[in-house]
Amino acid sequence: MTITIDTNLAAQTLLARRQPEQKFDTLPVDARPYDIESAVAVQLQMIKQKQGEVAGWKCLMPPAEDKVVIAPIFADSFYTGSQAKLMPENGKARIEPEIAFVLAEDLTAKEGGYSESEIYAAIASCHMALELMQARYQDGSQAEFFERLADCLTNQGLFLGPEIDKQTAFNTATIDIAVTQNQQTEQYQGKHPNKLASAPLLWFINFALANGYQLKKGQAIITGSFAGVIELDFASADVSYAGLGQYSVDLIS
C-alpha cells in the first residue's frame, strides 16, 4: 500500500520551527515522513520553499541499512569571516567541529556515478568548520528517525573557517582540538565517526544526485563531528585543530 504525505505542510512546518528556545512535538500524521524516500521528498520541498538557496550539506555514512544522514544547509544560516549567528538553546551556542569540503563545480547525475578520483578532483578547497546545532524536538518526543531526518537532523547552520591542505583534509582521521573561551581551554581528542573525514563524500555525492538534490559550485559539505556537540557561551571562541590551523569566531545570537 502506498502512503502519501503532505510534503508541502511538512516542509512549511519544519522551516517555521527554526526559532530560538522552542521545542516541538511530532508532525501531524498526514505530514509525517515514514521512510527515506518521504524524508527526502520533504527536504526537497524545504529547498523549494527556500528558493533553492542551499549553501552546503551535512552527511555521514549511512548508520544502518535503512537509514541515511543527509541534509541541506541553507544560505541564510551560512557564515564566513569572524562571526557566526546561532539561535540559543538553553542559553547556549551548540556547535560541532568538522572539516568542510567545498565543490569546485556543479555536479550532475551520471550513469555509474562518480569515482573516488573524480570526487577528489571535484573538491576545490577544504576548511575547518563548525556545524551549528539546534535540537528542535521536545525531550521525550516520539518523533522517529525519518521525521528527524526530514528536519535536517538538528542542523541549524554552518560556519566555514580557514582553508586547510586538501590532501591532509582527505586523510584526516583524528585531530586534537582545543576550544578556548573566557580564558578557559577545553581539549578534545577528536576522532572522525567514519574513520576518515572524506569517507562519506563518495556515498553522499552519488546518493544526492540520484535522489534529486542539486550540487552546486561553492557549496560546502560537512561529513561528521570530531568531538560531538560542544556547548559554548555567546562570546568569542578560539578554535585550534592541532597541526592544521586555528581561528577565532564571535558566536552571536
C-alpha atoms as a PDB file:
ATOM      1  CA  MET A   1       0.000   0.000   0.000  1.00  0.00           C
ATOM      2  CA  THR A   2       1.352   3.442  -0.980  1.00  0.00           C
ATOM      3  CA  ILE A   3       1.205   6.113   1.710  1.00  0.00           C
ATOM      4  CA  THR A   4       1.030   9.733   0.602  1.00  0.00           C
ATOM      5  CA  ILE A   5       2.056  12.544   2.932  1.00  0.00           C
ATOM      6  CA  ASP A   6       1.628  16.297   2.628  1.00  0.00           C
ATOM      7  CA  THR A   7       5.237  17.265   1.909  1.00  0.00           C
ATOM      8  CA  ASN A   8       4.290  20.928   1.499  1.00  0.00           C
ATOM      9  CA  LEU A   9       2.818  21.071   5.004  1.00  0.00           C
ATOM     10  CA  ALA A  10       5.751  19.132   6.459  1.00  0.00           C
ATOM     11  CA  ALA A  11       8.324  21.448   4.862  1.00  0.00           C
ATOM     12  CA  GLN A  12       6.421  24.597   5.831  1.00  0.00           C
ATOM     13  CA  THR A  13       6.064  23.402   9.428  1.00  0.00           C
ATOM     14  CA  LEU A  14       9.688  22.333   9.843  1.00  0.00           C
ATOM     15  CA  LEU A  15      11.031  25.611   8.451  1.00  0.00           C
ATOM     16  CA  ALA A  16       8.700  27.604  10.733  1.00  0.00           C
ATOM     17  CA  ARG A  17      10.053  25.703  13.736  1.00  0.00           C
ATOM     18  CA  ARG A  18      13.507  27.229  13.371  1.00  0.00           C
ATOM     19  CA  GLN A  19      13.051  29.582  16.308  1.00  0.00           C
ATOM     20  CA  PRO A  20      15.178  30.240  19.403  1.00  0.00           C
ATOM     21  CA  GLU A  21      14.471  28.407  22.656  1.00  0.00           C
ATOM     22  CA  GLN A  22      11.463  26.481  21.359  1.00  0.00           C
ATOM     23  CA  LYS A  23      10.814  22.740  21.192  1.00  0.00           C
ATOM     24  CA  PHE A  24       8.126  20.921  19.276  1.00  0.00           C
ATOM     25  CA  ASP A  25       6.344  17.584  19.135  1.00  0.00           C
ATOM     26  CA  THR A  26       5.848  15.287  16.152  1.00  0.00           C
ATOM     27  CA  LEU A  27       4.425  16.486  12.855  1.00  0.00           C
ATOM     28  CA  PRO A  28       0.751  15.888  12.042  1.00  0.00           C
ATOM     29  CA  VAL A  29       0.223  12.285  10.931  1.00  0.00           C
ATOM     30  CA  ASP A  30      -0.601  13.255   7.354  1.00  0.00           C
ATOM     31  CA  ALA A  31       2.678  15.206   7.075  1.00  0.00           C
ATOM     32  CA  ARG A  32       4.948  12.757   8.890  1.00  0.00           C
ATOM     33  CA  PRO A  33       7.744  11.084   6.859  1.00  0.00           C
ATOM     34  CA  TYR A  34       7.927   7.331   7.375  1.00  0.00           C
ATOM     35  CA  ASP A  35      10.879   6.211   5.234  1.00  0.00           C
ATOM     36  CA  ILE A  36      13.959   7.578   3.435  1.00  0.00           C
ATOM     37  CA  GLU A  37      12.024   8.441   0.272  1.00  0.00           C
ATOM     38  CA  SER A  38       9.390  10.511   2.078  1.00  0.00           C
ATOM     39  CA  ALA A  39      12.015  12.266   4.231  1.00  0.00           C
ATOM     40  CA  VAL A  40      13.978  13.172   1.090  1.00  0.00           C
ATOM     41  CA  ALA A  41      10.759  14.467  -0.505  1.00  0.00           C
ATOM     42  CA  VAL A  42      10.231  16.781   2.482  1.00  0.00           C
ATOM     43  CA  GLN A  43      13.805  18.085   2.314  1.00  0.00           C
ATOM     44  CA  LEU A  44      13.439  18.771  -1.414  1.00  0.00           C
ATOM     45  CA  GLN A  45      10.241  20.685  -0.690  1.00  0.00           C
ATOM     46  CA  MET A  46      12.049  22.668   2.014  1.00  0.00           C
ATOM     47  CA  ILE A  47      14.731  23.578  -0.546  1.00  0.00           C
ATOM     48  CA  LYS A  48      11.979  24.673  -2.965  1.00  0.00           C
ATOM     49  CA  GLN A  49      10.345  26.835  -0.298  1.00  0.00           C
ATOM     50  CA  LYS A  50      13.750  28.392   0.467  1.00  0.00           C
ATOM     51  CA  GLN A  51      14.042  29.167  -3.271  1.00  0.00           C
ATOM     52  CA  GLY A  52      16.942  26.778  -3.711  1.00  0.00           C
ATOM     53  CA  GLU A  53      19.316  28.815  -1.566  1.00  0.00           C
ATOM     54  CA  VAL A  54      21.480  25.935  -0.337  1.00  0.00           C
ATOM     55  CA  ALA A  55      24.993  26.887   0.775  1.00  0.00           C
ATOM     56  CA  GLY A  56      26.075  23.462   1.970  1.00  0.00           C
ATOM     57  CA  TRP A  57      25.239  19.945   3.074  1.00  0.00           C
ATOM     58  CA  LYS A  58      25.702  17.698   6.069  1.00  0.00           C
ATOM     59  CA  CYS A  59      26.252  13.981   5.650  1.00  0.00           C
ATOM     60  CA  LEU A  60      27.659  10.861   7.255  1.00  0.00           C
ATOM     61  CA  MET A  61      27.994   7.299   6.067  1.00  0.00           C
ATOM     62  CA  PRO A  62      24.613   5.533   6.425  1.00  0.00           C
ATOM     63  CA  PRO A  63      24.425   4.397  10.072  1.00  0.00           C
ATOM     64  CA  ALA A  64      22.232   1.397   9.205  1.00  0.00           C
ATOM     65  CA  GLU A  65      20.817  -0.367   6.165  1.00  0.00           C
ATOM     66  CA  ASP A  66      17.534   1.542   6.344  1.00  0.00           C
ATOM     67  CA  LYS A  67      18.913   4.943   7.395  1.00  0.00           C
ATOM     68  CA  VAL A  68      20.844   7.770   5.758  1.00  0.00           C
ATOM     69  CA  VAL A  69      22.334  11.036   7.024  1.00  0.00           C
ATOM     70  CA  ILE A  70      21.872  13.879   4.575  1.00  0.00           C
ATOM     71  CA  ALA A  71      20.579  17.438   4.938  1.00  0.00           C
ATOM     72  CA  PRO A  72      20.728  20.800   3.183  1.00  0.00           C
ATOM     73  CA  ILE A  73      22.277  23.793   4.945  1.00  0.00           C
ATOM     74  CA  PHE A  74      20.557  26.987   3.883  1.00  0.00           C
ATOM     75  CA  ALA A  75      22.316  30.166   2.787  1.00  0.00           C
ATOM     76  CA  ASP A  76      20.664  32.314   5.459  1.00  0.00           C
ATOM     77  CA  SER A  77      22.471  30.330   8.176  1.00  0.00           C
ATOM     78  CA  PHE A  78      25.876  30.030   6.476  1.00  0.00           C
ATOM     79  CA  TYR A  79      28.720  32.169   7.813  1.00  0.00           C
ATOM     80  CA  THR A  80      32.326  33.005   6.976  1.00  0.00           C
ATOM     81  CA  GLY A  81      34.686  35.614   8.366  1.00  0.00           C
ATOM     82  CA  SER A  82      34.684  36.433  12.069  1.00  0.00           C
ATOM     83  CA  GLN A  83      31.081  35.841  13.191  1.00  0.00           C
ATOM     84  CA  ALA A  84      28.524  33.051  13.349  1.00  0.00           C
ATOM     85  CA  LYS A  85      24.924  33.636  14.387  1.00  0.00           C
ATOM     86  CA  LEU A  86      23.076  30.895  16.238  1.00  0.00           C
ATOM     87  CA  MET A  87      19.695  30.518  17.855  1.00  0.00           C
ATOM     88  CA  PRO A  88      20.353  29.774  21.538  1.00  0.00           C
ATOM     89  CA  GLU A  89      19.312  26.513  23.113  1.00  0.00           C
ATOM     90  CA  ASN A  90      19.065  26.698  26.910  1.00  0.00           C
ATOM     91  CA  GLY A  91      21.041  29.910  26.576  1.00  0.00           C
ATOM     92  CA  LYS A  92      23.985  28.173  24.896  1.00  0.00           C
ATOM     93  CA  ALA A  93      25.550  28.080  21.430  1.00  0.00           C
ATOM     94  CA  ARG A  94      25.814  24.435  20.346  1.00  0.00           C
ATOM     95  CA  ILE A  95      28.489  23.583  17.785  1.00  0.00           C
ATOM     96  CA  GLU A  96      30.314  20.582  16.306  1.00  0.00           C
ATOM     97  CA  PRO A  97      33.903  20.841  14.971  1.00  0.00           C
ATOM     98  CA  GLU A  98      34.179  19.409  11.472  1.00  0.00           C
ATOM     99  CA  ILE A  99      36.033  19.584   8.162  1.00  0.00           C
ATOM    100  CA  ALA A 100      34.209  21.035   5.153  1.00  0.00           C
ATOM    101  CA  PHE A 101      34.793  20.138   1.508  1.00  0.00           C
ATOM    102  CA  VAL A 102      33.861  22.868  -0.998  1.00  0.00           C
ATOM    103  CA  LEU A 103      32.713  21.936  -4.501  1.00  0.00           C
ATOM    104  CA  ALA A 104      34.755  23.281  -7.413  1.00  0.00           C
ATOM    105  CA  GLU A 105      31.937  22.867  -9.940  1.00  0.00           C
ATOM    106  CA  ASP A 106      28.309  21.968 -10.404  1.00  0.00           C
ATOM    107  CA  LEU A 107      27.815  18.203 -10.415  1.00  0.00           C
ATOM    108  CA  THR A 108      25.136  16.362 -12.359  1.00  0.00           C
ATOM    109  CA  ALA A 109      23.994  12.758 -12.126  1.00  0.00           C
ATOM    110  CA  LYS A 110      25.718  10.352 -14.465  1.00  0.00           C
ATOM    111  CA  GLU A 111      25.437   6.674 -15.234  1.00  0.00           C
ATOM    112  CA  GLY A 112      27.614   4.606 -12.916  1.00  0.00           C
ATOM    113  CA  GLY A 113      28.087   7.523 -10.528  1.00  0.00           C
ATOM    114  CA  TYR A 114      31.322   9.295  -9.611  1.00  0.00           C
ATOM    115  CA  SER A 115      34.547   7.555  -8.657  1.00  0.00           C
ATOM    116  CA  GLU A 116      36.771   8.467  -5.714  1.00  0.00           C
ATOM    117  CA  SER A 117      39.282  10.177  -8.020  1.00  0.00           C
ATOM    118  CA  GLU A 118      36.531  12.185  -9.727  1.00  0.00           C
ATOM    119  CA  ILE A 119      35.196  13.321  -6.364  1.00  0.00           C
ATOM    120  CA  TYR A 120      38.679  14.341  -5.192  1.00  0.00           C
ATOM    121  CA  ALA A 121      39.018  16.415  -8.362  1.00  0.00           C
ATOM    122  CA  ALA A 122      35.570  17.972  -7.774  1.00  0.00           C
ATOM    123  CA  ILE A 123      36.643  19.471  -4.429  1.00  0.00           C
ATOM    124  CA  ALA A 124      38.094  22.975  -4.731  1.00  0.00           C
ATOM    125  CA  SER A 125      39.178  23.506  -1.137  1.00  0.00           C
ATOM    126  CA  CYS A 126      38.904  22.143   2.397  1.00  0.00           C
ATOM    127  CA  HIS A 127      38.278  24.117   5.571  1.00  0.00           C
ATOM    128  CA  MET A 128      37.999  23.907   9.319  1.00  0.00           C
ATOM    129  CA  ALA A 129      34.303  24.333  10.064  1.00  0.00           C
ATOM    130  CA  LEU A 130      31.670  24.364  12.775  1.00  0.00           C
ATOM    131  CA  GLU A 131      28.270  22.817  12.328  1.00  0.00           C
ATOM    132  CA  LEU A 132      25.744  24.978  14.166  1.00  0.00           C
ATOM    133  CA  MET A 133      23.277  22.787  16.034  1.00  0.00           C
ATOM    134  CA  GLN A 134      19.716  23.093  17.297  1.00  0.00           C
ATOM    135  CA  ALA A 135      17.555  20.301  18.715  1.00  0.00           C
ATOM    136  CA  ARG A 136      14.005  21.274  17.773  1.00  0.00           C
ATOM    137  CA  TYR A 137      12.091  18.318  19.237  1.00  0.00           C
ATOM    138  CA  GLN A 138      10.836  18.204  22.804  1.00  0.00           C
ATOM    139  CA  ASP A 139      12.610  15.890  25.228  1.00  0.00           C
ATOM    140  CA  GLY A 140      10.766  12.603  25.133  1.00  0.00           C
ATOM    141  CA  SER A 141       9.176  13.340  21.758  1.00  0.00           C
ATOM    142  CA  GLN A 142       8.027  10.247  19.893  1.00  0.00           C
ATOM    143  CA  ALA A 143       9.359  11.621  16.591  1.00  0.00           C
ATOM    144  CA  GLU A 144      11.033   8.761  14.737  1.00  0.00           C
ATOM    145  CA  PHE A 145      14.258   8.852  12.746  1.00  0.00           C
ATOM    146  CA  PHE A 146      12.709   9.680   9.366  1.00  0.00           C
ATOM    147  CA  GLU A 147      10.899  12.724  10.726  1.00  0.00           C
ATOM    148  CA  ARG A 148      14.133  13.919  12.339  1.00  0.00           C
ATOM    149  CA  LEU A 149      15.924  13.254   9.046  1.00  0.00           C
ATOM    150  CA  ALA A 150      13.414  15.459   7.225  1.00  0.00           C
ATOM    151  CA  ASP A 151      14.128  18.125   9.873  1.00  0.00           C
ATOM    152  CA  CYS A 152      17.824  18.029   8.898  1.00  0.00           C
ATOM    153  CA  LEU A 153      18.989  16.102  11.980  1.00  0.00           C
ATOM    154  CA  THR A 154      19.400  19.084  14.330  1.00  0.00           C
ATOM    155  CA  ASN A 155      21.340  21.187  11.818  1.00  0.00           C
ATOM    156  CA  GLN A 156      20.946  24.941  12.288  1.00  0.00           C
ATOM    157  CA  GLY A 157      23.702  26.206  10.026  1.00  0.00           C
ATOM    158  CA  LEU A 158      27.413  26.232   9.232  1.00  0.00           C
ATOM    159  CA  PHE A 159      30.451  28.375   9.932  1.00  0.00           C
ATOM    160  CA  LEU A 160      33.192  27.951   7.325  1.00  0.00           C
ATOM    161  CA  GLY A 161      36.625  28.622   8.770  1.00  0.00           C
ATOM    162  CA  PRO A 162      40.101  28.948   7.244  1.00  0.00           C
ATOM    163  CA  GLU A 163      41.306  26.736   4.421  1.00  0.00           C
ATOM    164  CA  ILE A 164      43.495  23.723   5.162  1.00  0.00           C
ATOM    165  CA  ASP A 165      45.600  21.478   2.938  1.00  0.00           C
ATOM    166  CA  LYS A 166      43.361  19.375   0.719  1.00  0.00           C
ATOM    167  CA  GLN A 167      45.323  16.122   0.823  1.00  0.00           C
ATOM    168  CA  THR A 168      45.675  16.373   4.595  1.00  0.00           C
ATOM    169  CA  ALA A 169      41.949  17.010   4.994  1.00  0.00           C
ATOM    170  CA  PHE A 170      41.050  13.956   2.905  1.00  0.00           C
ATOM    171  CA  ASN A 171      43.309  11.759   5.036  1.00  0.00           C
ATOM    172  CA  THR A 172      42.418  13.134   8.471  1.00  0.00           C
ATOM    173  CA  ALA A 173      41.051  10.574  10.923  1.00  0.00           C
ATOM    174  CA  THR A 174      41.944  12.190  14.258  1.00  0.00           C
ATOM    175  CA  ILE A 175      42.568  15.764  15.398  1.00  0.00           C
ATOM    176  CA  ASP A 176      43.479  17.184  18.781  1.00  0.00           C
ATOM    177  CA  ILE A 177      41.058  20.088  19.129  1.00  0.00           C
ATOM    178  CA  ALA A 178      41.274  22.931  21.642  1.00  0.00           C
ATOM    179  CA  VAL A 179      38.474  25.426  22.247  1.00  0.00           C
ATOM    180  CA  THR A 180      39.274  28.500  24.334  1.00  0.00           C
ATOM    181  CA  GLN A 181      36.595  30.817  25.661  1.00  0.00           C
ATOM    182  CA  ASN A 182      36.561  33.208  28.596  1.00  0.00           C
ATOM    183  CA  GLN A 183      40.240  32.373  29.212  1.00  0.00           C
ATOM    184  CA  GLN A 184      39.441  28.702  29.738  1.00  0.00           C
ATOM    185  CA  THR A 185      40.548  25.957  27.341  1.00  0.00           C
ATOM    186  CA  GLU A 186      38.862  22.615  26.771  1.00  0.00           C
ATOM    187  CA  GLN A 187      40.790  19.850  24.989  1.00  0.00           C
ATOM    188  CA  TYR A 188      39.189  17.182  22.785  1.00  0.00           C
ATOM    189  CA  GLN A 189      40.825  14.102  21.285  1.00  0.00           C
ATOM    190  CA  GLY A 190      38.901  14.367  18.048  1.00  0.00           C
ATOM    191  CA  LYS A 191      38.062  11.211  16.117  1.00  0.00           C
ATOM    192  CA  HIS A 192      36.007  11.078  12.948  1.00  0.00           C
ATOM    193  CA  PRO A 193      32.993   8.719  13.185  1.00  0.00           C
ATOM    194  CA  ASN A 194      33.708   7.270   9.714  1.00  0.00           C
ATOM    195  CA  LYS A 195      37.490   6.939  10.219  1.00  0.00           C
ATOM    196  CA  LEU A 196      38.417   9.488   7.523  1.00  0.00           C
ATOM    197  CA  ALA A 197      36.801  12.906   7.141  1.00  0.00           C
ATOM    198  CA  SER A 198      36.477  12.300   3.396  1.00  0.00           C
ATOM    199  CA  ALA A 199      34.899   8.831   3.711  1.00  0.00           C
ATOM    200  CA  PRO A 200      31.238   9.944   3.356  1.00  0.00           C
ATOM    201  CA  LEU A 201      31.828  12.026   0.201  1.00  0.00           C
ATOM    202  CA  LEU A 202      31.584   9.164  -2.301  1.00  0.00           C
ATOM    203  CA  TRP A 203      28.306   7.934  -0.843  1.00  0.00           C
ATOM    204  CA  PHE A 204      26.861  11.406  -0.345  1.00  0.00           C
ATOM    205  CA  ILE A 205      27.525  12.795  -3.820  1.00  0.00           C
ATOM    206  CA  ASN A 206      26.201   9.743  -5.637  1.00  0.00           C
ATOM    207  CA  PHE A 207      23.153   9.386  -3.359  1.00  0.00           C
ATOM    208  CA  ALA A 208      22.312  13.090  -3.527  1.00  0.00           C
ATOM    209  CA  LEU A 209      22.451  13.266  -7.316  1.00  0.00           C
ATOM    210  CA  ALA A 210      20.448  10.057  -7.701  1.00  0.00           C
ATOM    211  CA  ASN A 211      17.709  11.447  -5.462  1.00  0.00           C
ATOM    212  CA  GLY A 212      17.092  14.860  -6.959  1.00  0.00           C
ATOM    213  CA  TYR A 213      19.367  17.118  -4.915  1.00  0.00           C
ATOM    214  CA  GLN A 214      21.321  19.750  -6.853  1.00  0.00           C
ATOM    215  CA  LEU A 215      25.018  20.033  -6.029  1.00  0.00           C
ATOM    216  CA  LYS A 216      26.447  23.417  -6.969  1.00  0.00           C
ATOM    217  CA  LYS A 217      29.853  25.065  -7.188  1.00  0.00           C
ATOM    218  CA  GLY A 218      30.804  26.675  -3.865  1.00  0.00           C
ATOM    219  CA  GLN A 219      28.592  24.502  -1.669  1.00  0.00           C
ATOM    220  CA  ALA A 220      30.383  23.207   1.436  1.00  0.00           C
ATOM    221  CA  ILE A 221      29.934  19.584   2.538  1.00  0.00           C
ATOM    222  CA  ILE A 222      30.494  18.632   6.180  1.00  0.00           C
ATOM    223  CA  THR A 223      30.931  14.957   6.931  1.00  0.00           C
ATOM    224  CA  GLY A 224      30.720  14.392  10.694  1.00  0.00           C
ATOM    225  CA  SER A 225      31.858  15.826  14.003  1.00  0.00           C
ATOM    226  CA  PHE A 226      35.263  15.106  15.507  1.00  0.00           C
ATOM    227  CA  ALA A 227      34.049  15.799  19.042  1.00  0.00           C
ATOM    228  CA  GLY A 228      30.273  15.566  19.206  1.00  0.00           C
ATOM    229  CA  VAL A 229      28.244  18.576  20.348  1.00  0.00           C
ATOM    230  CA  ILE A 230      30.092  21.264  22.322  1.00  0.00           C
ATOM    231  CA  GLU A 231      28.103  23.857  24.271  1.00  0.00           C
ATOM    232  CA  LEU A 232      29.631  27.335  24.382  1.00  0.00           C
ATOM    233  CA  ASP A 233      28.723  30.801  25.607  1.00  0.00           C
ATOM    234  CA  PHE A 234      27.731  33.538  23.213  1.00  0.00           C
ATOM    235  CA  ALA A 235      31.145  35.180  23.105  1.00  0.00           C
ATOM    236  CA  SER A 236      34.395  34.973  21.187  1.00  0.00           C
ATOM    237  CA  ALA A 237      35.913  31.489  20.895  1.00  0.00           C
ATOM    238  CA  ASP A 238      39.361  30.411  19.723  1.00  0.00           C
ATOM    239  CA  VAL A 239      39.389  27.043  17.958  1.00  0.00           C
ATOM    240  CA  SER A 240      42.578  25.105  17.221  1.00  0.00           C
ATOM    241  CA  TYR A 241      42.995  21.955  15.110  1.00  0.00           C
ATOM    242  CA  ALA A 242      46.469  20.706  16.042  1.00  0.00           C
ATOM    243  CA  GLY A 243      48.745  20.638  13.007  1.00  0.00           C
ATOM    244  CA  LEU A 244      46.060  22.093  10.717  1.00  0.00           C
ATOM    245  CA  GLY A 245      45.324  25.620  11.887  1.00  0.00           C
ATOM    246  CA  GLN A 246      43.351  27.849  14.204  1.00  0.00           C
ATOM    247  CA  TYR A 247      40.844  30.708  14.107  1.00  0.00           C
ATOM    248  CA  SER A 248      38.669  32.949  16.261  1.00  0.00           C
ATOM    249  CA  VAL A 249      34.918  33.319  15.837  1.00  0.00           C
ATOM    250  CA  ASP A 250      32.394  35.517  17.626  1.00  0.00           C
ATOM    251  CA  LEU A 251      29.298  33.474  18.466  1.00  0.00           C
ATOM    252  CA  ILE A 252      26.301  35.802  18.450  1.00  0.00           C
ATOM    253  CA  SER A 253      22.575  35.291  18.952  1.00  0.00           C
END
